[in-house]
Amino acid sequence: MSEFFQWFTDPNNARMFVTILFFVTYSLVLLYIYSSKKRSKRLESYKNIPFQDGDDDVTPQRKENEHE
């Protein structure tokens, strides 16, 4: 077991392990997102949220000094 820890503490080996770990995690997230069409459509609808105007139901109030 101590040989594994010595192998893992070498920066070249740890870098390789972390790269593979991140790639597998990224792949699993993509698989989760796009595996269901219902989930995919729901998540795709969220992409325009920053561009939507959230003040549609609020009427702007005009200040008295704005007409000048």
N, C-alpha and C. Protein backbone atom coordinates (compact mmCIF):
# COMPACT_ATOMS: atom_id res chain seq x y z
N MET A 1 0.82 -1.20 0.00
CA MET A 1 0.00 0.00 0.00
C MET A 1 0.86 1.26 0.00
N SER A 2 1.98 1.21 0.67
CA SER A 2 2.85 2.39 0.70
C SER A 2 3.47 2.65 -0.67
N GLU A 3 3.60 1.60 -1.50
CA GLU A 3 4.12 1.80 -2.86
C GLU A 3 3.16 2.64 -3.69
N PHE A 4 1.86 2.43 -3.49
CA PHE A 4 0.87 3.21 -4.20
C PHE A 4 0.97 4.68 -3.81
N PHE A 5 1.11 4.97 -2.53
CA PHE A 5 1.23 6.35 -2.09
C PHE A 5 2.50 7.01 -2.61
N GLN A 6 3.57 6.25 -2.68
CA GLN A 6 4.80 6.79 -3.26
C GLN A 6 4.62 7.06 -4.75
N TRP A 7 3.92 6.14 -5.44
CA TRP A 7 3.65 6.36 -6.86
C TRP A 7 2.77 7.59 -7.05
N PHE A 8 1.79 7.76 -6.19
CA PHE A 8 0.83 8.86 -6.32
C PHE A 8 1.45 10.20 -5.99
N THR A 9 2.45 10.23 -5.12
CA THR A 9 3.06 11.50 -4.73
C THR A 9 4.01 12.04 -5.80
N ASP A 10 4.36 11.22 -6.78
CA ASP A 10 5.18 11.71 -7.89
C ASP A 10 4.31 12.65 -8.73
N PRO A 11 4.74 13.89 -8.97
CA PRO A 11 3.88 14.86 -9.67
C PRO A 11 3.44 14.40 -11.06
N ASN A 12 4.28 13.68 -11.78
CA ASN A 12 3.89 13.22 -13.11
C ASN A 12 2.75 12.21 -13.04
N ASN A 13 2.80 11.32 -12.08
CA ASN A 13 1.74 10.32 -11.93
C ASN A 13 0.45 10.95 -11.42
N ALA A 14 0.56 11.86 -10.47
CA ALA A 14 -0.63 12.51 -9.92
C ALA A 14 -1.31 13.36 -10.99
N ARG A 15 -0.53 14.03 -11.82
CA ARG A 15 -1.08 14.85 -12.89
C ARG A 15 -1.88 13.99 -13.87
N MET A 16 -1.33 12.84 -14.21
CA MET A 16 -2.01 11.92 -15.11
C MET A 16 -3.31 11.42 -14.48
N PHE A 17 -3.27 11.07 -13.22
CA PHE A 17 -4.46 10.57 -12.52
C PHE A 17 -5.55 11.64 -12.46
N VAL A 18 -5.18 12.85 -12.13
CA VAL A 18 -6.16 13.94 -12.01
C VAL A 18 -6.76 14.27 -13.38
N THR A 19 -5.96 14.25 -14.43
CA THR A 19 -6.47 14.50 -15.78
C THR A 19 -7.51 13.45 -16.17
N ILE A 20 -7.21 12.21 -15.91
CA ILE A 20 -8.15 11.13 -16.22
C ILE A 20 -9.41 11.26 -15.36
N LEU A 21 -9.25 11.60 -14.10
CA LEU A 21 -10.40 11.78 -13.20
C LEU A 21 -11.31 12.90 -13.69
N PHE A 22 -10.75 14.04 -14.09
CA PHE A 22 -11.56 15.15 -14.59
C PHE A 22 -12.24 14.80 -15.91
N PHE A 23 -11.56 14.09 -16.78
CA PHE A 23 -12.15 13.70 -18.05
C PHE A 23 -13.34 12.76 -17.83
N VAL A 24 -13.18 11.80 -16.95
CA VAL A 24 -14.27 10.86 -16.65
C VAL A 24 -15.45 11.60 -16.02
N THR A 25 -15.17 12.51 -15.11
CA THR A 25 -16.23 13.30 -14.47
C THR A 25 -16.97 14.15 -15.50
N TYR A 26 -16.23 14.81 -16.37
CA TYR A 26 -16.83 15.64 -17.42
C TYR A 26 -17.70 14.78 -18.34
N SER A 27 -17.22 13.62 -18.71
CA SER A 27 -17.98 12.72 -19.58
C SER A 27 -19.26 12.24 -18.90
N LEU A 28 -19.18 11.94 -17.62
CA LEU A 28 -20.37 11.50 -16.90
C LEU A 28 -21.41 12.61 -16.77
N VAL A 29 -20.96 13.83 -16.58
CA VAL A 29 -21.89 14.96 -16.50
C VAL A 29 -22.58 15.16 -17.84
N LEU A 30 -21.83 15.10 -18.93
CA LEU A 30 -22.45 15.23 -20.25
C LEU A 30 -23.43 14.10 -20.53
N LEU A 31 -23.06 12.91 -20.14
CA LEU A 31 -23.94 11.76 -20.32
C LEU A 31 -25.23 11.94 -19.51
N TYR A 32 -25.11 12.45 -18.30
CA TYR A 32 -26.28 12.68 -17.46
C TYR A 32 -27.20 13.75 -18.08
N ILE A 33 -26.60 14.82 -18.58
CA ILE A 33 -27.40 15.93 -19.11
C ILE A 33 -28.13 15.52 -20.38
N TYR A 34 -27.44 14.85 -21.29
CA TYR A 34 -28.03 14.57 -22.59
C TYR A 34 -28.63 13.17 -22.72
N SER A 35 -28.70 12.42 -21.64
CA SER A 35 -29.26 11.08 -21.73
C SER A 35 -30.78 11.10 -21.81
N SER A 36 -31.41 12.10 -21.27
CA SER A 36 -32.87 12.20 -21.30
C SER A 36 -33.26 13.42 -22.13
N LYS A 37 -34.15 13.22 -23.09
CA LYS A 37 -34.58 14.34 -23.94
C LYS A 37 -35.34 15.38 -23.13
N LYS A 38 -36.12 14.93 -22.16
CA LYS A 38 -36.88 15.87 -21.33
C LYS A 38 -35.92 16.76 -20.52
N ARG A 39 -34.91 16.15 -19.91
CA ARG A 39 -33.93 16.90 -19.14
C ARG A 39 -33.12 17.82 -20.05
N SER A 40 -32.78 17.34 -21.22
CA SER A 40 -32.00 18.12 -22.17
C SER A 40 -32.77 19.36 -22.60
N LYS A 41 -34.05 19.22 -22.91
CA LYS A 41 -34.86 20.37 -23.32
C LYS A 41 -35.01 21.36 -22.17
N ARG A 42 -35.18 20.86 -20.97
CA ARG A 42 -35.33 21.75 -19.82
C ARG A 42 -34.06 22.54 -19.58
N LEU A 43 -32.90 21.89 -19.66
CA LEU A 43 -31.64 22.58 -19.44
C LEU A 43 -31.32 23.54 -20.58
N GLU A 44 -31.70 23.19 -21.80
CA GLU A 44 -31.50 24.10 -22.93
C GLU A 44 -32.35 25.36 -22.79
N SER A 45 -33.51 25.24 -22.16
CA SER A 45 -34.36 26.42 -21.99
C SER A 45 -33.75 27.40 -20.98
N TYR A 46 -32.85 26.96 -20.16
CA TYR A 46 -32.22 27.84 -19.17
C TYR A 46 -31.16 28.74 -19.77
N LYS A 47 -30.72 28.49 -20.99
CA LYS A 47 -29.60 29.25 -21.54
C LYS A 47 -29.95 30.71 -21.81
N ASN A 48 -31.22 31.04 -21.95
CA ASN A 48 -31.61 32.41 -22.24
C ASN A 48 -32.02 33.21 -21.01
N ILE A 49 -31.91 32.64 -19.84
CA ILE A 49 -32.32 33.32 -18.61
C ILE A 49 -31.58 34.65 -18.41
N PRO A 50 -30.27 34.75 -18.64
CA PRO A 50 -29.62 36.04 -18.43
C PRO A 50 -30.11 37.15 -19.35
N PHE A 51 -30.69 36.79 -20.49
CA PHE A 51 -31.13 37.79 -21.46
C PHE A 51 -32.59 38.17 -21.30
N GLN A 52 -33.31 37.51 -20.44
CA GLN A 52 -34.72 37.83 -20.23
C GLN A 52 -34.85 39.02 -19.30
N ASP A 53 -35.82 39.86 -19.60
CA ASP A 53 -36.08 41.02 -18.77
C ASP A 53 -36.99 40.60 -17.64
N GLY A 54 -36.52 40.71 -16.41
CA GLY A 54 -37.30 40.26 -15.26
C GLY A 54 -38.32 41.26 -14.78
N ASP A 55 -38.34 42.46 -15.36
CA ASP A 55 -39.24 43.52 -14.90
C ASP A 55 -40.46 43.66 -15.79
N ASP A 56 -40.91 42.60 -16.42
CA ASP A 56 -42.06 42.68 -17.32
C ASP A 56 -43.35 43.01 -16.59
N ASP A 57 -43.52 42.51 -15.39
CA ASP A 57 -44.77 42.71 -14.67
C ASP A 57 -44.75 43.98 -13.82
N VAL A 58 -43.65 44.69 -13.76
CA VAL A 58 -43.55 45.91 -12.96
C VAL A 58 -43.59 47.11 -13.89
N THR A 59 -44.53 48.01 -13.66
CA THR A 59 -44.60 49.22 -14.49
C THR A 59 -43.64 50.26 -13.93
N PRO A 60 -42.86 50.86 -14.78
CA PRO A 60 -41.91 51.86 -14.27
C PRO A 60 -42.64 53.09 -13.77
N GLN A 61 -42.21 53.60 -12.65
CA GLN A 61 -42.81 54.80 -12.08
C GLN A 61 -41.95 55.99 -12.44
N ARG A 62 -42.61 57.03 -12.86
CA ARG A 62 -41.89 58.22 -13.30
C ARG A 62 -41.76 59.19 -12.14
N LYS A 63 -40.56 59.69 -11.96
CA LYS A 63 -40.34 60.67 -10.90
C LYS A 63 -40.83 62.03 -11.37
N GLU A 64 -41.11 62.91 -10.44
CA GLU A 64 -41.65 64.21 -10.77
C GLU A 64 -40.63 65.07 -11.50
N ASN A 65 -39.34 64.91 -11.22
CA ASN A 65 -38.32 65.76 -11.81
C ASN A 65 -37.79 65.22 -13.15
N GLU A 66 -38.33 64.14 -13.65
CA GLU A 66 -37.84 63.54 -14.89
C GLU A 66 -38.33 64.27 -16.13
N HIS A 67 -39.40 65.01 -16.05
CA HIS A 67 -39.96 65.63 -17.25
C HIS A 67 -39.15 66.85 -17.71
N GLU A 68 -38.21 67.30 -16.94
CA GLU A 68 -37.41 68.47 -17.31
C GLU A 68 -36.37 68.17 -18.31
